[in-house]
C-alpha atoms as a PDB file:
ATOM      1  CA  MET A   1      33.321 271.336 -18.722  1.00  0.00           C
ATOM      2  CA  SER A   2      33.579 268.347 -16.379  1.00  0.00           C
ATOM      3  CA  SER A   3      35.910 265.585 -17.405  1.00  0.00           C
ATOM      4  CA  PHE A   4      36.170 261.922 -16.469  1.00  0.00           C
ATOM      5  CA  THR A   5      38.937 259.363 -16.966  1.00  0.00           C
ATOM      6  CA  GLU A   6      38.991 255.638 -17.584  1.00  0.00           C
ATOM      7  CA  ALA A   7      39.378 255.154 -13.816  1.00  0.00           C
ATOM      8  CA  ASP A   8      35.761 256.394 -13.453  1.00  0.00           C
ATOM      9  CA  LEU A   9      34.306 253.608 -15.627  1.00  0.00           C
ATOM     10  CA  PRO A  10      31.559 252.588 -15.788  1.00  0.00           C
ATOM     11  CA  THR A  11      30.028 256.058 -15.674  1.00  0.00           C
ATOM     12  CA  ASP A  12      27.351 258.334 -17.085  1.00  0.00           C
ATOM     13  CA  VAL A  13      28.654 261.347 -18.991  1.00  0.00           C
ATOM     14  CA  HIS A  14      26.249 264.277 -19.218  1.00  0.00           C
ATOM     15  CA  HIS A  15      25.931 266.959 -21.890  1.00  0.00           C
ATOM     16  CA  GLY A  16      28.924 269.303 -21.696  1.00  0.00           C
ATOM     17  CA  GLU A  17      31.167 266.653 -20.121  1.00  0.00           C
ATOM     18  CA  MET A  18      33.722 264.307 -21.672  1.00  0.00           C
ATOM     19  CA  ILE A  19      35.708 261.221 -20.807  1.00  0.00           C
ATOM     20  CA  THR A  20      39.370 260.618 -21.615  1.00  0.00           C
ATOM     21  CA  LEU A  21      40.220 256.948 -22.055  1.00  0.00           C
ATOM     22  CA  GLY A  22      43.537 255.320 -21.128  1.00  0.00           C
ATOM     23  CA  ASP A  23      45.229 255.980 -24.484  1.00  0.00           C
ATOM     24  CA  GLY A  24      44.093 259.627 -24.632  1.00  0.00           C
ATOM     25  CA  THR A  25      40.986 259.060 -26.782  1.00  0.00           C
ATOM     26  CA  THR A  26      38.220 261.461 -25.750  1.00  0.00           C
ATOM     27  CA  VAL A  27      34.491 260.802 -26.061  1.00  0.00           C
ATOM     28  CA  ARG A  28      31.645 263.311 -25.684  1.00  0.00           C
ATOM     29  CA  PHE A  29      28.185 263.797 -27.135  1.00  0.00           C
ATOM     30  CA  GLU A  30      25.863 266.487 -28.395  1.00  0.00           C
ATOM     31  CA  SER A  31      22.107 266.086 -28.230  1.00  0.00           C
ATOM     32  CA  ASN A  32      20.194 265.839 -31.462  1.00  0.00           C
ATOM     33  CA  GLY A  33      16.632 265.675 -30.213  1.00  0.00           C
ATOM     34  CA  GLU A  34      16.319 262.335 -28.431  1.00  0.00           C
ATOM     35  CA  ALA A  35      19.352 261.043 -30.338  1.00  0.00           C
ATOM     36  CA  LYS A  36      22.945 261.615 -29.240  1.00  0.00           C
ATOM     37  CA  ASN A  37      25.755 262.467 -31.677  1.00  0.00           C
ATOM     38  CA  ILE A  38      28.808 260.642 -30.297  1.00  0.00           C
ATOM     39  CA  MET A  39      32.045 262.544 -30.900  1.00  0.00           C
ATOM     40  CA  VAL A  40      35.402 260.787 -30.666  1.00  0.00           C
ATOM     41  CA  ASN A  41      38.489 262.952 -30.126  1.00  0.00           C
ATOM     42  CA  ASP A  42      38.410 266.529 -31.442  1.00  0.00           C
ATOM     43  CA  GLY A  43      36.270 265.935 -34.525  1.00  0.00           C
ATOM     44  CA  PHE A  44      33.074 267.837 -35.141  1.00  0.00           C
ATOM     45  CA  GLU A  45      31.536 265.059 -37.245  1.00  0.00           C
ATOM     46  CA  PRO A  46      29.841 262.405 -35.122  1.00  0.00           C
ATOM     47  CA  ALA A  47      31.346 258.924 -35.122  1.00  0.00           C
ATOM     48  CA  CYS A  48      27.728 257.760 -34.875  1.00  0.00           C
ATOM     49  CA  THR A  49      24.266 258.901 -33.851  1.00  0.00           C
ATOM     50  CA  LEU A  50      22.699 256.824 -31.083  1.00  0.00           C
ATOM     51  CA  PHE A  51      18.997 256.572 -30.484  1.00  0.00           C
ATOM     52  CA  PRO A  52      17.663 255.420 -27.099  1.00  0.00           C
ATOM     53  CA  GLY A  53      18.234 251.704 -26.623  1.00  0.00           C
ATOM     54  CA  ASN A  54      21.089 251.465 -29.163  1.00  0.00           C
ATOM     55  CA  ASP A  55      24.802 251.084 -28.499  1.00  0.00           C
ATOM     56  CA  TYR A  56      28.127 251.866 -30.137  1.00  0.00           C
ATOM     57  CA  THR A  57      31.581 250.406 -29.488  1.00  0.00           C
ATOM     58  CA  VAL A  58      34.723 252.558 -29.485  1.00  0.00           C
ATOM     59  CA  GLN A  59      37.917 250.581 -30.159  1.00  0.00           C
ATOM     60  CA  THR A  60      41.246 251.883 -28.830  1.00  0.00           C
ATOM     61  CA  GLY A  61      44.672 250.411 -28.214  1.00  0.00           C
ATOM     62  CA  GLN A  62      43.584 249.938 -24.580  1.00  0.00           C
ATOM     63  CA  GLY A  63      40.444 247.919 -25.373  1.00  0.00           C
ATOM     64  CA  SER A  64      36.797 248.261 -26.327  1.00  0.00           C
ATOM     65  CA  TYR A  65      34.242 250.583 -24.757  1.00  0.00           C
ATOM     66  CA  LYS A  66      30.474 250.280 -25.074  1.00  0.00           C
ATOM     67  CA  ILE A  67      28.405 253.476 -25.209  1.00  0.00           C
ATOM     68  CA  THR A  68      24.649 253.399 -24.687  1.00  0.00           C
ATOM     69  CA  CYS A  69      22.084 256.188 -24.480  1.00  0.00           C
ATOM     70  CA  GLU A  70      18.566 256.479 -23.158  1.00  0.00           C
ATOM     71  CA  PHE A  71      16.082 259.361 -23.128  1.00  0.00           C
ATOM     72  CA  GLY A  72      17.938 261.389 -20.461  1.00  0.00           C
ATOM     73  CA  ASP A  73      20.718 263.900 -21.017  1.00  0.00           C
ATOM     74  CA  SER A  74      23.592 261.445 -20.643  1.00  0.00           C
ATOM     75  CA  MET A  75      25.474 258.582 -22.273  1.00  0.00           C
ATOM     76  CA  HIS A  76      26.645 255.517 -20.362  1.00  0.00           C
ATOM     77  CA  ILE A  77      30.147 254.215 -21.114  1.00  0.00           C
ATOM     78  CA  GLU A  78      31.773 251.033 -19.874  1.00  0.00           C
ATOM     79  CA  LYS A  79      34.809 248.937 -20.777  1.00  0.00           C
ATOM     80  CA  ILE A  80      33.911 245.596 -22.333  1.00  0.00           C
END
């Protein structure tokens, strides 16, 4: 599994990859049809399910991160 860090932001994370943010929080996704189940840290329950064109904000001690998804097999994450 490929892994990214906060230094790579903004970036697109593909299925099977994850990003580790500055405070150690990890974010990955699993496809659910066209929707993406966004997983934060080691949990198996999604923090949210994103449909194309929607966004979700992850809050950490290091700041806020916006996640967006489109129809492809990736999620875009950037610090806001």
